[in-house]
Amino acid sequence: MQGLSWIGEHAWLYPALEVVHILGIAMLLGPLMLLDLRVWGAGAALPVQPLARLSLGLTAGGFGLVLLSGLLMFGSQPAELLANRLFIIKLGLVMLAGLNALWFHSREGLQRLDTLARVQTATSVVLWLAVIICGRWLAY
């Protein structure tokens, strides 16, 4: 399966995709951490809903960059990545993070700000950090 092998062969395209991927990670995790800190009680003077609108918009944009750049990088070497257990673990962790977010928002965690909401946000941070760790290990 050739896929988009030309991406990996290009002198600067793959490294540029890695930069976009890292920018997306920063946009995803940074605002998410701020919102999670607010759910945990930090910055209590900040209203949750406006912070959530800003944070979640940036997080969604970051996820979009991560997804697009990740798909392009995956396309450059699909067979190798699919054969790598760490890549499969990373995809599983992304899926778990997505399911956790879906559960959090479907139960209106931002309105409740209860113990379960705090557990879910802590779980989110742990999952995303594990995704990042897997991604960095894949690079070496």
N, C-alpha and C. Protein backbone atom coordinates (compact mmCIF):
# COMPACT_ATOMS: atom_id res chain seq x y z
N MET A 1 0.85 -1.19 0.00
CA MET A 1 0.00 0.00 0.00
C MET A 1 0.89 1.24 0.00
N GLN A 2 0.84 1.99 -1.08
CA GLN A 2 1.71 3.15 -1.23
C GLN A 2 1.18 4.37 -0.47
N GLY A 3 -0.11 4.57 -0.48
CA GLY A 3 -0.66 5.72 0.24
C GLY A 3 -0.09 7.03 -0.25
N LEU A 4 0.31 7.83 0.69
CA LEU A 4 0.87 9.15 0.40
C LEU A 4 2.36 9.15 0.70
N SER A 5 3.07 8.13 0.24
CA SER A 5 4.49 7.98 0.56
C SER A 5 5.32 9.19 0.15
N TRP A 6 4.86 9.92 -0.84
CA TRP A 6 5.60 11.10 -1.29
C TRP A 6 5.72 12.15 -0.19
N ILE A 7 4.80 12.13 0.78
CA ILE A 7 4.88 13.09 1.89
C ILE A 7 6.16 12.86 2.69
N GLY A 8 6.43 11.61 3.00
CA GLY A 8 7.63 11.27 3.76
C GLY A 8 8.91 11.49 2.99
N GLU A 9 8.82 11.48 1.67
CA GLU A 9 10.00 11.65 0.83
C GLU A 9 10.33 13.11 0.57
N HIS A 10 9.38 13.99 0.82
CA HIS A 10 9.58 15.41 0.57
C HIS A 10 10.51 15.99 1.65
N ALA A 11 11.39 16.88 1.25
CA ALA A 11 12.42 17.42 2.16
C ALA A 11 11.84 18.15 3.37
N TRP A 12 10.75 18.89 3.19
CA TRP A 12 10.24 19.67 4.30
C TRP A 12 8.78 19.43 4.65
N LEU A 13 8.06 18.68 3.82
CA LEU A 13 6.62 18.52 4.04
C LEU A 13 6.31 17.73 5.32
N TYR A 14 6.96 16.59 5.53
CA TYR A 14 6.68 15.81 6.74
C TYR A 14 7.05 16.59 8.01
N PRO A 15 8.24 17.22 8.05
CA PRO A 15 8.54 18.04 9.23
C PRO A 15 7.53 19.18 9.43
N ALA A 16 7.04 19.77 8.34
CA ALA A 16 6.03 20.83 8.47
C ALA A 16 4.73 20.27 9.05
N LEU A 17 4.37 19.05 8.63
CA LEU A 17 3.18 18.42 9.20
C LEU A 17 3.36 18.14 10.69
N GLU A 18 4.57 17.76 11.08
CA GLU A 18 4.84 17.54 12.50
C GLU A 18 4.67 18.83 13.29
N VAL A 19 5.11 19.95 12.74
CA VAL A 19 4.96 21.25 13.40
C VAL A 19 3.47 21.58 13.55
N VAL A 20 2.70 21.37 12.49
CA VAL A 20 1.26 21.63 12.54
C VAL A 20 0.61 20.71 13.59
N HIS A 21 1.06 19.47 13.63
CA HIS A 21 0.53 18.50 14.60
C HIS A 21 0.80 18.98 16.03
N ILE A 22 2.00 19.45 16.29
CA ILE A 22 2.36 19.93 17.63
C ILE A 22 1.58 21.21 17.97
N LEU A 23 1.41 22.09 17.00
CA LEU A 23 0.59 23.28 17.21
C LEU A 23 -0.84 22.88 17.57
N GLY A 24 -1.37 21.90 16.86
CA GLY A 24 -2.71 21.40 17.15
C GLY A 24 -2.81 20.82 18.55
N ILE A 25 -1.77 20.08 18.96
CA ILE A 25 -1.75 19.52 20.31
C ILE A 25 -1.79 20.64 21.35
N ALA A 26 -1.01 21.68 21.13
CA ALA A 26 -0.99 22.81 22.06
C ALA A 26 -2.36 23.48 22.11
N MET A 27 -2.98 23.65 20.94
CA MET A 27 -4.31 24.27 20.89
C MET A 27 -5.37 23.38 21.53
N LEU A 28 -5.18 22.08 21.46
CA LEU A 28 -6.13 21.14 22.05
C LEU A 28 -5.97 21.09 23.56
N LEU A 29 -4.77 20.85 24.02
CA LEU A 29 -4.56 20.58 25.44
C LEU A 29 -4.50 21.85 26.30
N GLY A 30 -3.93 22.93 25.80
CA GLY A 30 -3.80 24.15 26.60
C GLY A 30 -5.14 24.69 27.08
N PRO A 31 -6.05 25.01 26.16
CA PRO A 31 -7.36 25.52 26.60
C PRO A 31 -8.16 24.49 27.40
N LEU A 32 -8.00 23.22 27.05
CA LEU A 32 -8.69 22.17 27.80
C LEU A 32 -8.22 22.15 29.25
N MET A 33 -6.94 22.33 29.46
CA MET A 33 -6.39 22.38 30.82
C MET A 33 -6.96 23.57 31.60
N LEU A 34 -7.08 24.72 30.95
CA LEU A 34 -7.65 25.88 31.63
C LEU A 34 -9.09 25.61 32.07
N LEU A 35 -9.86 25.03 31.18
CA LEU A 35 -11.25 24.72 31.52
C LEU A 35 -11.31 23.66 32.63
N ASP A 36 -10.45 22.66 32.54
CA ASP A 36 -10.41 21.63 33.57
C ASP A 36 -10.05 22.23 34.93
N LEU A 37 -9.08 23.14 34.94
CA LEU A 37 -8.73 23.80 36.20
C LEU A 37 -9.92 24.55 36.79
N ARG A 38 -10.70 25.17 35.90
CA ARG A 38 -11.91 25.88 36.37
C ARG A 38 -12.92 24.89 36.95
N VAL A 39 -13.09 23.73 36.29
CA VAL A 39 -14.00 22.71 36.80
C VAL A 39 -13.52 22.23 38.17
N TRP A 40 -12.21 22.17 38.37
CA TRP A 40 -11.64 21.73 39.65
C TRP A 40 -11.72 22.81 40.72
N GLY A 41 -12.17 24.02 40.35
CA GLY A 41 -12.36 25.07 41.34
C GLY A 41 -11.39 26.23 41.24
N ALA A 42 -10.37 26.13 40.44
CA ALA A 42 -9.42 27.24 40.28
C ALA A 42 -10.10 28.36 39.47
N GLY A 43 -9.73 29.58 39.76
CA GLY A 43 -10.30 30.71 39.02
C GLY A 43 -11.80 30.81 39.16
N ALA A 44 -12.29 30.61 40.36
CA ALA A 44 -13.74 30.60 40.60
C ALA A 44 -14.43 31.90 40.17
N ALA A 45 -13.67 32.99 40.07
CA ALA A 45 -14.27 34.26 39.65
C ALA A 45 -14.60 34.26 38.14
N LEU A 46 -14.00 33.33 37.39
CA LEU A 46 -14.27 33.25 35.96
C LEU A 46 -15.56 32.47 35.71
N PRO A 47 -16.50 33.06 34.98
CA PRO A 47 -17.73 32.33 34.67
C PRO A 47 -17.42 31.12 33.78
N VAL A 48 -17.99 29.98 34.12
CA VAL A 48 -17.68 28.74 33.43
C VAL A 48 -18.12 28.77 31.96
N GLN A 49 -19.32 29.21 31.68
CA GLN A 49 -19.85 29.11 30.32
C GLN A 49 -19.06 29.92 29.29
N PRO A 50 -18.74 31.20 29.54
CA PRO A 50 -17.92 31.92 28.55
C PRO A 50 -16.53 31.30 28.39
N LEU A 51 -15.93 30.86 29.49
CA LEU A 51 -14.62 30.20 29.41
C LEU A 51 -14.74 28.92 28.60
N ALA A 52 -15.82 28.18 28.81
CA ALA A 52 -16.03 26.93 28.07
C ALA A 52 -16.19 27.20 26.57
N ARG A 53 -16.93 28.23 26.21
CA ARG A 53 -17.11 28.55 24.79
C ARG A 53 -15.77 28.85 24.13
N LEU A 54 -14.95 29.66 24.79
CA LEU A 54 -13.63 29.99 24.25
C LEU A 54 -12.72 28.77 24.22
N SER A 55 -12.65 28.07 25.34
CA SER A 55 -11.75 26.92 25.46
C SER A 55 -12.13 25.81 24.49
N LEU A 56 -13.40 25.48 24.45
CA LEU A 56 -13.82 24.36 23.61
C LEU A 56 -13.72 24.69 22.13
N GLY A 57 -13.88 25.96 21.77
CA GLY A 57 -13.66 26.35 20.37
C GLY A 57 -12.22 26.17 19.96
N LEU A 58 -11.30 26.61 20.81
CA LEU A 58 -9.87 26.43 20.53
C LEU A 58 -9.49 24.96 20.53
N THR A 59 -10.05 24.21 21.48
CA THR A 59 -9.77 22.78 21.57
C THR A 59 -10.24 22.07 20.30
N ALA A 60 -11.43 22.40 19.84
CA ALA A 60 -11.95 21.79 18.61
C ALA A 60 -11.07 22.14 17.41
N GLY A 61 -10.63 23.40 17.33
CA GLY A 61 -9.73 23.80 16.24
C GLY A 61 -8.42 23.04 16.32
N GLY A 62 -7.89 22.89 17.53
CA GLY A 62 -6.66 22.13 17.72
C GLY A 62 -6.84 20.68 17.32
N PHE A 63 -7.97 20.09 17.70
CA PHE A 63 -8.23 18.71 17.32
C PHE A 63 -8.31 18.58 15.80
N GLY A 64 -8.91 19.57 15.15
CA GLY A 64 -8.98 19.55 13.69
C GLY A 64 -7.59 19.55 13.05
N LEU A 65 -6.70 20.39 13.57
CA LEU A 65 -5.32 20.41 13.06
C LEU A 65 -4.61 19.09 13.31
N VAL A 66 -4.80 18.54 14.51
CA VAL A 66 -4.18 17.25 14.85
C VAL A 66 -4.71 16.16 13.93
N LEU A 67 -6.02 16.15 13.72
CA LEU A 67 -6.62 15.12 12.88
C LEU A 67 -6.13 15.22 11.43
N LEU A 68 -6.16 16.42 10.87
CA LEU A 68 -5.74 16.59 9.47
C LEU A 68 -4.26 16.26 9.29
N SER A 69 -3.41 16.82 10.13
CA SER A 69 -1.98 16.55 9.99
C SER A 69 -1.68 15.09 10.30
N GLY A 70 -2.37 14.53 11.28
CA GLY A 70 -2.17 13.12 11.63
C GLY A 70 -2.58 12.19 10.50
N LEU A 71 -3.70 12.48 9.86
CA LEU A 71 -4.12 11.66 8.72
C LEU A 71 -3.11 11.72 7.58
N LEU A 72 -2.59 12.90 7.32
CA LEU A 72 -1.59 13.03 6.25
C LEU A 72 -0.30 12.29 6.61
N MET A 73 0.13 12.41 7.86
CA MET A 73 1.34 11.68 8.27
C MET A 73 1.08 10.18 8.24
N PHE A 74 -0.09 9.75 8.68
CA PHE A 74 -0.45 8.34 8.61
C PHE A 74 -0.43 7.85 7.17
N GLY A 75 -0.97 8.65 6.27
CA GLY A 75 -1.02 8.27 4.85
C GLY A 75 0.34 8.08 4.23
N SER A 76 1.38 8.67 4.83
CA SER A 76 2.73 8.53 4.28
C SER A 76 3.36 7.18 4.62
N GLN A 77 2.83 6.50 5.64
CA GLN A 77 3.38 5.20 6.04
C GLN A 77 2.33 4.35 6.77
N PRO A 78 1.20 4.08 6.12
CA PRO A 78 0.10 3.40 6.81
C PRO A 78 0.45 1.98 7.28
N ALA A 79 1.12 1.21 6.46
CA ALA A 79 1.42 -0.18 6.83
C ALA A 79 2.31 -0.24 8.07
N GLU A 80 3.33 0.62 8.10
CA GLU A 80 4.24 0.63 9.24
C GLU A 80 3.52 1.03 10.54
N LEU A 81 2.66 2.04 10.43
CA LEU A 81 1.95 2.51 11.62
C LEU A 81 0.92 1.49 12.10
N LEU A 82 0.20 0.89 11.18
CA LEU A 82 -0.80 -0.10 11.58
C LEU A 82 -0.16 -1.34 12.20
N ALA A 83 1.09 -1.60 11.86
CA ALA A 83 1.81 -2.74 12.43
C ALA A 83 2.43 -2.39 13.79
N ASN A 84 2.40 -1.14 14.16
CA ASN A 84 3.02 -0.68 15.40
C ASN A 84 1.99 -0.69 16.53
N ARG A 85 2.22 -1.50 17.54
CA ARG A 85 1.29 -1.63 18.67
C ARG A 85 1.06 -0.28 19.36
N LEU A 86 2.10 0.52 19.45
CA LEU A 86 1.99 1.82 20.10
C LEU A 86 1.00 2.74 19.36
N PHE A 87 0.99 2.66 18.04
CA PHE A 87 0.06 3.45 17.24
C PHE A 87 -1.38 3.02 17.53
N ILE A 88 -1.60 1.73 17.62
CA ILE A 88 -2.94 1.21 17.90
C ILE A 88 -3.38 1.64 19.31
N ILE A 89 -2.45 1.60 20.26
CA ILE A 89 -2.75 2.07 21.62
C ILE A 89 -3.11 3.55 21.59
N LYS A 90 -2.35 4.33 20.81
CA LYS A 90 -2.62 5.76 20.70
C LYS A 90 -4.03 6.00 20.16
N LEU A 91 -4.41 5.29 19.12
CA LEU A 91 -5.75 5.45 18.56
C LEU A 91 -6.82 5.06 19.57
N GLY A 92 -6.57 4.00 20.32
CA GLY A 92 -7.51 3.59 21.37
C GLY A 92 -7.67 4.65 22.44
N LEU A 93 -6.54 5.27 22.82
CA LEU A 93 -6.59 6.33 23.83
C LEU A 93 -7.35 7.56 23.31
N VAL A 94 -7.17 7.90 22.03
CA VAL A 94 -7.93 9.01 21.43
C VAL A 94 -9.41 8.70 21.46
N MET A 95 -9.76 7.45 21.14
CA MET A 95 -11.17 7.05 21.17
C MET A 95 -11.73 7.15 22.60
N LEU A 96 -10.97 6.68 23.59
CA LEU A 96 -11.41 6.79 24.98
C LEU A 96 -11.57 8.25 25.41
N ALA A 97 -10.64 9.11 24.99
CA ALA A 97 -10.74 10.54 25.31
C ALA A 97 -12.01 11.14 24.69
N GLY A 98 -12.30 10.75 23.46
CA GLY A 98 -13.52 11.23 22.80
C GLY A 98 -14.78 10.74 23.49
N LEU A 99 -14.80 9.47 23.88
CA LEU A 99 -15.96 8.93 24.60
C LEU A 99 -16.14 9.60 25.96
N ASN A 100 -15.02 9.87 26.64
CA ASN A 100 -15.07 10.57 27.92
C ASN A 100 -15.65 11.97 27.74
N ALA A 101 -15.22 12.67 26.70
CA ALA A 101 -15.75 14.02 26.42
C ALA A 101 -17.24 13.96 26.10
N LEU A 102 -17.63 12.98 25.30
CA LEU A 102 -19.04 12.82 24.95
C LEU A 102 -19.88 12.58 26.21
N TRP A 103 -19.39 11.72 27.08
CA TRP A 103 -20.09 11.44 28.34
C TRP A 103 -20.17 12.70 29.20
N PHE A 104 -19.03 13.41 29.32
CA PHE A 104 -18.98 14.63 30.13
C PHE A 104 -20.02 15.64 29.66
N HIS A 105 -20.06 15.88 28.36
CA HIS A 105 -20.98 16.90 27.85
C HIS A 105 -22.42 16.41 27.81
N SER A 106 -22.63 15.11 27.57
CA SER A 106 -24.01 14.60 27.54
C SER A 106 -24.64 14.61 28.92
N ARG A 107 -23.84 14.52 29.96
CA ARG A 107 -24.39 14.59 31.33
C ARG A 107 -24.33 16.02 31.88
N GLU A 108 -23.95 16.97 31.02
CA GLU A 108 -23.89 18.39 31.38
C GLU A 108 -22.94 18.65 32.54
N GLY A 109 -21.74 18.12 32.41
CA GLY A 109 -20.72 18.28 33.44
C GLY A 109 -20.37 19.73 33.73
N LEU A 110 -20.44 20.58 32.70
CA LEU A 110 -20.11 22.00 32.91
C LEU A 110 -21.17 22.72 33.74
N GLN A 111 -22.38 22.21 33.73
CA GLN A 111 -23.43 22.80 34.56
C GLN A 111 -23.37 22.24 35.98
N ARG A 112 -22.97 20.99 36.11
CA ARG A 112 -22.96 20.32 37.41
C ARG A 112 -21.72 20.67 38.24
N LEU A 113 -20.57 20.65 37.61
CA LEU A 113 -19.30 20.89 38.29
C LEU A 113 -19.19 20.05 39.57
N ASP A 114 -19.64 18.81 39.47
CA ASP A 114 -19.65 17.91 40.62
C ASP A 114 -18.40 17.03 40.64
N THR A 115 -18.37 16.10 41.57
CA THR A 115 -17.22 15.22 41.72
C THR A 115 -16.98 14.41 40.45
N LEU A 116 -18.05 13.90 39.84
CA LEU A 116 -17.88 13.13 38.61
C LEU A 116 -17.30 14.00 37.50
N ALA A 117 -17.73 15.25 37.41
CA ALA A 117 -17.17 16.16 36.40
C ALA A 117 -15.68 16.34 36.63
N ARG A 118 -15.26 16.46 37.88
CA ARG A 118 -13.83 16.59 38.17
C ARG A 118 -13.07 15.32 37.82
N VAL A 119 -13.66 14.17 38.09
CA VAL A 119 -13.03 12.90 37.73
C VAL A 119 -12.92 12.79 36.21
N GLN A 120 -13.97 13.19 35.51
CA GLN A 120 -13.95 13.11 34.05
C GLN A 120 -12.91 14.05 33.45
N THR A 121 -12.77 15.25 34.00
CA THR A 121 -11.77 16.17 33.46
C THR A 121 -10.36 15.68 33.78
N ALA A 122 -10.16 15.10 34.95
CA ALA A 122 -8.85 14.53 35.28
C ALA A 122 -8.54 13.36 34.34
N THR A 123 -9.55 12.54 34.08
CA THR A 123 -9.39 11.42 33.14
C THR A 123 -9.02 11.94 31.76
N SER A 124 -9.66 13.02 31.35
CA SER A 124 -9.38 13.62 30.05
C SER A 124 -7.91 14.02 29.94
N VAL A 125 -7.43 14.71 30.95
CA VAL A 125 -6.03 15.17 30.94
C VAL A 125 -5.08 13.97 30.87
N VAL A 126 -5.34 12.96 31.68
CA VAL A 126 -4.49 11.76 31.69
C VAL A 126 -4.51 11.08 30.32
N LEU A 127 -5.69 10.95 29.74
CA LEU A 127 -5.79 10.30 28.43
C LEU A 127 -5.04 11.09 27.36
N TRP A 128 -5.23 12.41 27.33
CA TRP A 128 -4.55 13.20 26.30
C TRP A 128 -3.04 13.20 26.50
N LEU A 129 -2.59 13.24 27.74
CA LEU A 129 -1.15 13.15 27.98
C LEU A 129 -0.61 11.80 27.53
N ALA A 130 -1.37 10.73 27.76
CA ALA A 130 -0.96 9.40 27.30
C ALA A 130 -0.91 9.35 25.77
N VAL A 131 -1.85 10.00 25.11
CA VAL A 131 -1.84 10.08 23.64
C VAL A 131 -0.56 10.77 23.17
N ILE A 132 -0.22 11.88 23.81
CA ILE A 132 0.98 12.64 23.44
C ILE A 132 2.23 11.79 23.67
N ILE A 133 2.30 11.10 24.79
CA ILE A 133 3.45 10.25 25.08
C ILE A 133 3.58 9.16 24.02
N CYS A 134 2.49 8.51 23.68
CA CYS A 134 2.53 7.49 22.63
C CYS A 134 3.02 8.10 21.31
N GLY A 135 2.52 9.27 20.98
CA GLY A 135 2.92 9.93 19.74
C GLY A 135 4.39 10.25 19.70
N ARG A 136 4.93 10.70 20.81
CA ARG A 136 6.36 11.01 20.86
C ARG A 136 7.19 9.74 20.74
N TRP A 137 6.75 8.66 21.39
CA TRP A 137 7.47 7.40 21.28
C TRP A 137 7.43 6.84 19.88
N LEU A 138 6.33 7.11 19.17
CA LEU A 138 6.24 6.65 17.78
C LEU A 138 7.32 7.28 16.91
N ALA A 139 7.70 8.48 17.26
CA ALA A 139 8.67 9.21 16.43
C ALA A 139 10.08 8.66 16.56
N TYR A 140 10.31 7.78 17.53
CA TYR A 140 11.68 7.29 17.76
C TYR A 140 11.79 5.81 17.70
